[in-house]
Amino acid sequence: MPASPRPERRNLYRQLYVQPEAPAEVLKASYRALMSSLRLHPDLGGPHEVAAQLNAAYAVLSDPQRRALYDQMLKRRARQRSEAATAGRLAEPVADHDPLLWQEQRRCPLCAARLMLQPPRNPRCVRCDSPLTPAPSAALAEGELLGRRRGDRYLRPQDAQLRLADKLESFPARVKDLSMTGISLLVRAPVKLGSPFRVQASGFDAVAVAVALRPQGQRVCVHARLVTLQVLRQARGTLVDAEA
């Protein structure tokens, strides 16, 4: 069975040598010039493939409704490219950034983007979408720096996704247990001691800082201090009550 043809991704306006704001009369004149004056029509010796592309482009742009939909698609592509470029800059170095002092520095603990002065309820970073709700207790969290949890542990084995500050892709992880202030999980990702990472699972979304790394087979057991934590509404009892 032959493979399906790939969708045309070349800009239709460029194929017809016109600007996106060109009126219908200009579109028609350019199309005719290409097919006749430049002899791109097959009857005049032009290549069939090029003529077919020009016909397809003109069929879309000469129809007001199809042209409007195509313009929307172009805007969506431009927005996606802009967002991808922004994501590609997530790892821009910030010399004085300390993820444990993110509230004082008013920077996202993961990507170091500057935070809004008046964050909304359940705030998130506008650059990397990490949760910005502080983890429950800074006093309890002090014990995590020494690798000893002062809060109760909750055995919550489950799959999760982990993303590092300097990586665009996510890595699979396996949560071992949680506390109100910390998390331990098994990963193959290149986590570094003292580095922040985001972990997403079915019941929560959090940013944590690695405080201990222990090899365990082909994976690494990462013990980390939670610096932000958002408990998902549908997950009552997973870690804490969502109303707490």
Foldseek 3Di string as FASTA:
>chain_A
DDDDDDDDPPDLCVLLVHDLPDDLVVSVVSLCCVCPVVVLPVVSPRDPVSNVSNVVSCVQCNDVVSSVVVVVVVVVVVVVVVLVVLLQCLQPDDPPQQLLCCVVVCAHSASGHHHDPDADVQGADPNPRATDAFQDDPVQLVVVLVPDGPFDKAQDWDKKWKAHSNDDDIFIKTWGIDGSWKTKIKGLDPADAQGKMWIGDPFKTFIWGFNDWDDDPNIIITITTTGHMQTDQVRAPSHHGNVD
